[in-house]
Amino acid sequence: MVEEMRQIADVVADRIETLILDGVLKPGQRLPSERQLSEKLGFSRSALREGLKLLRARGIILTEHGRGSYVAKMMPEPSTPLMHLFSEHPRTLYDLLEVRALLEGESARLAAMRGTDADFIMIRRRYEEMVALTQSDEPVELREHARVDHAFHLAVCEASHNPVLVHTLQSLTDLLISSVFASLNNLYHRPVQKRQIDRQHARLFHAVVDRLPEQARRAAVEHIQGIRDELQDIEVEEQRLLRASMRLNGW
């Protein structure tokens, strides 16, 4: 009897792990109640408890008194000094954009291939939230705009159904939001660049939900590379103006 219960617990744990790997249960997400989980998985509540006990021992599920059980985060929080260096140092921005082009290009391609109707509903919702901010007559705090922008890109990534890719991007959330903030701060007040970014987002959105994998990958990569090129052009122009000013002042 004990051995049978142990085997059932292993099956329960495996089913829950599959839900996590498939992105149904996400890192940091609170688990449904025992009743809901037992009904969904088709096991008794005693078997469910044994399965959850196994997952706690493996560090996959965390339980807090009075708050319930949660899916553990895949990666630890980054160290504060290193995060500060990465987020504040100007040269790191271009490194981040390189990483974004690699990861988001592939996640967009996979999202167009593997995304479900539910995924596309979420992507559309995040896209419309972003568009609403860009068209708002009210002043929008730039960091809020960066958060909404990042949420759209993350929704596309989650539709890839590649948990390692999703968790990698989630682990870089603070850094990625800082790169989005820098892009918006330097480019979005310029009408030409703003229209270009809006068009790039639209192309990415439509390519993913229309299930066009290569167009989606290309749209994501061109979006990131376009931002990089614009920022580099601004940097070159600022350096040119600085040199001209120094010459005028006899330096």
Protein backbone atom coordinates (compact mmCIF):
# COMPACT_ATOMS: atom_id res chain seq x y z
CA MET A 1 0.00 0.00 0.00
CA VAL A 2 2.83 2.34 0.92
CA GLU A 3 4.67 1.51 -2.30
CA GLU A 4 1.50 2.07 -4.34
CA MET A 5 0.95 5.49 -2.74
CA ARG A 6 4.59 6.38 -3.47
CA GLN A 7 4.13 5.50 -7.14
CA ILE A 8 0.94 7.55 -7.36
CA ALA A 9 2.75 10.49 -5.73
CA ASP A 10 5.44 10.24 -8.41
CA VAL A 11 2.77 10.36 -11.13
CA VAL A 12 1.10 13.38 -9.51
CA ALA A 13 4.45 15.18 -9.21
CA ASP A 14 5.25 14.38 -12.84
CA ARG A 15 1.89 15.78 -14.00
CA ILE A 16 2.43 19.03 -12.10
CA GLU A 17 6.00 19.33 -13.41
CA THR A 18 4.60 18.95 -16.94
CA LEU A 19 2.16 21.80 -16.29
CA ILE A 20 5.12 23.96 -15.23
CA LEU A 21 7.23 23.01 -18.25
CA ASP A 22 4.28 23.69 -20.58
CA GLY A 23 3.87 27.15 -19.06
CA VAL A 24 0.40 26.43 -17.64
CA LEU A 25 1.82 27.04 -14.17
CA LYS A 26 4.42 29.82 -14.18
CA PRO A 27 7.33 30.58 -11.82
CA GLY A 28 6.06 32.58 -8.87
CA GLN A 29 2.43 31.66 -9.58
CA ARG A 30 0.23 30.51 -6.72
CA LEU A 31 -1.10 26.98 -7.15
CA PRO A 32 -4.85 26.41 -7.38
CA SER A 33 -6.54 24.99 -4.31
CA GLU A 34 -6.14 21.29 -3.48
CA ARG A 35 -9.73 20.69 -4.55
CA GLN A 36 -9.22 22.38 -7.91
CA LEU A 37 -5.92 20.60 -8.54
CA SER A 38 -7.26 17.18 -7.58
CA GLU A 39 -10.24 17.66 -9.89
CA LYS A 40 -8.05 18.89 -12.75
CA LEU A 41 -5.50 16.09 -12.42
CA GLY A 42 -7.99 13.35 -11.57
CA PHE A 43 -6.33 12.22 -8.32
CA SER A 44 -7.54 12.05 -4.75
CA ARG A 45 -6.57 14.88 -2.44
CA SER A 46 -4.42 12.52 -0.35
CA ALA A 47 -2.48 11.50 -3.49
CA LEU A 48 -2.18 15.17 -4.48
CA ARG A 49 -0.72 16.06 -1.08
CA GLU A 50 1.90 13.32 -1.42
CA GLY A 51 2.82 14.59 -4.89
CA LEU A 52 3.14 18.15 -3.63
CA LYS A 53 5.31 16.89 -0.78
CA LEU A 54 7.72 15.41 -3.35
CA LEU A 55 7.81 18.69 -5.28
CA ARG A 56 8.54 20.63 -2.10
CA ALA A 57 11.44 18.29 -1.34
CA ARG A 58 12.80 18.97 -4.84
CA GLY A 59 12.45 22.72 -4.36
CA ILE A 60 10.00 23.03 -7.26
CA ILE A 61 7.09 24.07 -5.03
CA LEU A 62 7.41 26.50 -2.13
CA THR A 63 4.82 26.82 0.63
CA GLU A 64 4.38 29.86 2.85
CA HIS A 65 2.23 29.72 5.96
CA GLY A 66 -0.99 31.64 5.41
CA ARG A 67 -0.24 32.27 1.72
CA GLY A 68 -0.36 28.83 0.16
CA SER A 69 1.94 27.08 -2.30
CA TYR A 70 3.79 28.66 -5.24
CA VAL A 71 5.88 27.51 -8.16
CA ALA A 72 9.50 28.31 -7.34
CA LYS A 73 11.42 30.69 -9.57
CA MET A 74 13.74 28.92 -11.97
CA MET A 75 16.70 31.21 -11.34
CA PRO A 76 17.76 33.16 -8.24
CA GLU A 77 17.44 36.90 -8.14
CA PRO A 78 20.52 38.55 -9.70
CA SER A 79 22.98 40.15 -7.31
CA THR A 80 22.22 43.79 -6.70
CA PRO A 81 25.71 45.26 -7.43
CA LEU A 82 25.99 43.43 -10.78
CA MET A 83 22.42 44.31 -11.72
CA HIS A 84 23.16 47.97 -10.94
CA LEU A 85 26.28 47.86 -13.13
CA PHE A 86 24.44 46.26 -16.04
CA SER A 87 21.43 48.56 -15.81
CA GLU A 88 23.40 51.80 -15.38
CA HIS A 89 26.41 51.39 -17.66
CA PRO A 90 25.73 52.84 -21.15
CA ARG A 91 27.79 50.26 -23.07
CA THR A 92 25.66 47.44 -21.61
CA LEU A 93 22.62 48.72 -23.49
CA TYR A 94 24.02 47.51 -26.81
CA ASP A 95 24.88 44.13 -25.25
CA LEU A 96 21.29 43.85 -24.04
CA LEU A 97 19.95 44.70 -27.48
CA GLU A 98 22.11 41.95 -28.99
CA VAL A 99 20.69 39.45 -26.51
CA ARG A 100 17.16 40.66 -27.15
CA ALA A 101 17.55 40.25 -30.92
CA LEU A 102 18.74 36.66 -30.46
CA LEU A 103 16.15 35.58 -27.90
CA GLU A 104 13.13 37.55 -29.09
CA GLY A 105 13.67 36.72 -32.75
CA GLU A 106 13.49 33.01 -32.00
CA SER A 107 10.66 33.36 -29.49
CA ALA A 108 8.57 35.26 -32.08
CA ARG A 109 9.20 32.54 -34.67
CA LEU A 110 8.19 29.80 -32.23
CA ALA A 111 5.16 31.80 -31.04
CA ALA A 112 3.86 32.02 -34.61
CA MET A 113 4.31 28.26 -34.94
CA ARG A 114 3.12 27.03 -31.54
CA GLY A 115 0.90 29.77 -30.13
CA THR A 116 -2.61 28.78 -29.05
CA ASP A 117 -5.78 30.83 -29.33
CA ALA A 118 -5.43 31.64 -25.62
CA ASP A 119 -1.85 32.84 -26.22
CA PHE A 120 -2.97 35.10 -29.05
CA ILE A 121 -5.74 36.57 -26.90
CA MET A 122 -3.10 37.52 -24.31
CA ILE A 123 -0.72 38.90 -26.96
CA ARG A 124 -3.56 40.98 -28.44
CA ARG A 125 -4.48 42.28 -24.99
CA ARG A 126 -0.89 43.33 -24.26
CA TYR A 127 -0.53 44.89 -27.72
CA GLU A 128 -3.74 46.89 -27.32
CA GLU A 129 -2.62 48.09 -23.88
CA MET A 130 0.63 49.32 -25.44
CA VAL A 131 -1.17 51.02 -28.35
CA ALA A 132 -3.60 52.70 -25.94
CA LEU A 133 -0.64 54.23 -24.09
CA THR A 134 0.98 55.48 -27.30
CA GLN A 135 -2.28 57.12 -28.40
CA SER A 136 -3.24 58.53 -25.01
CA ASP A 137 -3.69 62.29 -24.71
CA GLU A 138 -2.77 62.05 -21.04
CA PRO A 139 0.89 62.14 -20.01
CA VAL A 140 2.22 58.62 -19.41
CA GLU A 141 5.03 57.90 -16.96
CA LEU A 142 7.88 56.52 -19.05
CA ARG A 143 8.66 53.59 -16.77
CA GLU A 144 5.02 52.48 -16.94
CA HIS A 145 5.24 52.66 -20.72
CA ALA A 146 8.43 50.56 -20.60
CA ARG A 147 6.70 47.97 -18.40
CA VAL A 148 3.74 47.66 -20.80
CA ASP A 149 6.08 47.47 -23.80
CA HIS A 150 8.07 44.68 -22.13
CA ALA A 151 4.85 42.84 -21.18
CA PHE A 152 3.91 42.68 -24.88
CA HIS A 153 7.28 41.16 -25.82
CA LEU A 154 7.08 38.73 -22.89
CA ALA A 155 3.59 37.60 -23.97
CA VAL A 156 5.02 36.77 -27.39
CA CYS A 157 7.83 34.82 -25.73
CA GLU A 158 5.41 32.87 -23.51
CA ALA A 159 3.53 31.78 -26.65
CA SER A 160 6.72 30.05 -27.82
CA HIS A 161 6.03 27.27 -25.30
CA ASN A 162 9.75 26.89 -24.73
CA PRO A 163 10.02 27.09 -20.93
CA VAL A 164 13.80 27.58 -20.89
CA LEU A 165 13.50 30.52 -23.28
CA VAL A 166 10.64 32.02 -21.25
CA HIS A 167 12.45 31.59 -17.93
CA THR A 168 15.65 33.05 -19.37
CA LEU A 169 13.83 36.22 -20.44
CA GLN A 170 11.94 36.40 -17.15
CA SER A 171 15.21 36.19 -15.23
CA LEU A 172 16.39 39.26 -17.17
CA THR A 173 13.20 41.26 -16.63
CA ASP A 174 14.76 44.19 -14.78
CA LEU A 175 17.58 44.50 -17.31
CA LEU A 176 15.23 44.23 -20.27
CA ILE A 177 12.86 46.84 -18.87
CA SER A 178 15.85 49.15 -18.41
CA SER A 179 16.77 48.64 -22.08
CA VAL A 180 13.19 49.40 -23.14
CA PHE A 181 13.19 52.49 -20.91
CA ALA A 182 16.44 53.73 -22.49
CA SER A 183 15.01 53.19 -25.96
CA LEU A 184 11.80 55.07 -25.18
CA ASN A 185 13.64 57.83 -23.35
CA ASN A 186 15.95 58.49 -26.29
CA LEU A 187 13.67 57.78 -29.23
CA TYR A 188 9.98 58.07 -28.43
CA HIS A 189 9.87 61.86 -28.23
CA ARG A 190 11.17 62.00 -31.82
CA PRO A 191 8.17 61.73 -34.19
CA VAL A 192 9.95 59.79 -36.96
CA GLN A 193 11.45 57.24 -34.57
CA LYS A 194 8.16 56.92 -32.65
CA ARG A 195 6.25 56.08 -35.83
CA GLN A 196 8.92 53.57 -36.79
CA ILE A 197 8.75 51.78 -33.42
CA ASP A 198 4.94 51.70 -33.57
CA ARG A 199 5.06 50.19 -37.09
CA GLN A 200 7.61 47.61 -35.97
CA HIS A 201 5.42 46.55 -33.05
CA ALA A 202 2.42 46.28 -35.40
CA ARG A 203 4.38 44.12 -37.85
CA LEU A 204 5.52 41.83 -35.05
CA PHE A 205 2.01 41.52 -33.62
CA HIS A 206 0.37 40.70 -36.95
CA ALA A 207 3.08 38.26 -38.04
CA VAL A 208 2.73 36.27 -34.81
CA VAL A 209 -1.08 36.11 -34.66
CA ASP A 210 -1.28 35.41 -38.41
CA ARG A 211 1.06 32.45 -37.83
CA LEU A 212 3.88 33.61 -40.11
CA PRO A 213 7.02 32.27 -38.35
CA GLU A 214 9.78 33.73 -40.53
CA GLN A 215 8.06 37.09 -40.83
CA ALA A 216 7.62 37.13 -37.06
CA ARG A 217 11.30 36.35 -36.47
CA ARG A 218 12.36 39.00 -38.97
CA ALA A 219 9.99 41.60 -37.48
CA ALA A 220 11.34 41.01 -33.96
CA VAL A 221 14.99 41.17 -35.07
CA GLU A 222 14.46 44.24 -37.26
CA HIS A 223 12.69 45.98 -34.37
CA ILE A 224 15.62 45.46 -31.99
CA GLN A 225 18.28 46.19 -34.61
CA GLY A 226 16.40 49.31 -35.70
CA ILE A 227 16.46 50.61 -32.13
CA ARG A 228 20.18 49.85 -31.87
CA ASP A 229 20.93 51.69 -35.13
CA GLU A 230 18.89 54.74 -34.08
CA LEU A 231 20.60 54.92 -30.69
CA GLN A 232 24.03 54.63 -32.31
CA ASP A 233 23.14 57.42 -34.77
CA ILE A 234 22.10 59.66 -31.86
CA GLU A 235 25.34 58.85 -30.03
CA VAL A 236 27.45 59.69 -33.10
CA GLU A 237 25.56 62.97 -33.61
CA GLU A 238 26.00 63.95 -29.96
CA GLN A 239 29.74 63.28 -30.19
CA ARG A 240 29.94 65.36 -33.38
CA LEU A 241 28.15 68.27 -31.71
CA LEU A 242 30.41 67.98 -28.67
CA ARG A 243 33.55 68.14 -30.84
CA ALA A 244 32.16 71.12 -32.76
CA SER A 245 31.42 72.90 -29.48
CA MET A 246 34.91 72.22 -28.18
CA ARG A 247 36.45 73.68 -31.37
CA LEU A 248 34.32 76.83 -31.09
CA ASN A 249 35.49 77.28 -27.50
CA GLY A 250 39.12 76.88 -28.51
CA TRP A 251 39.67 73.45 -27.01
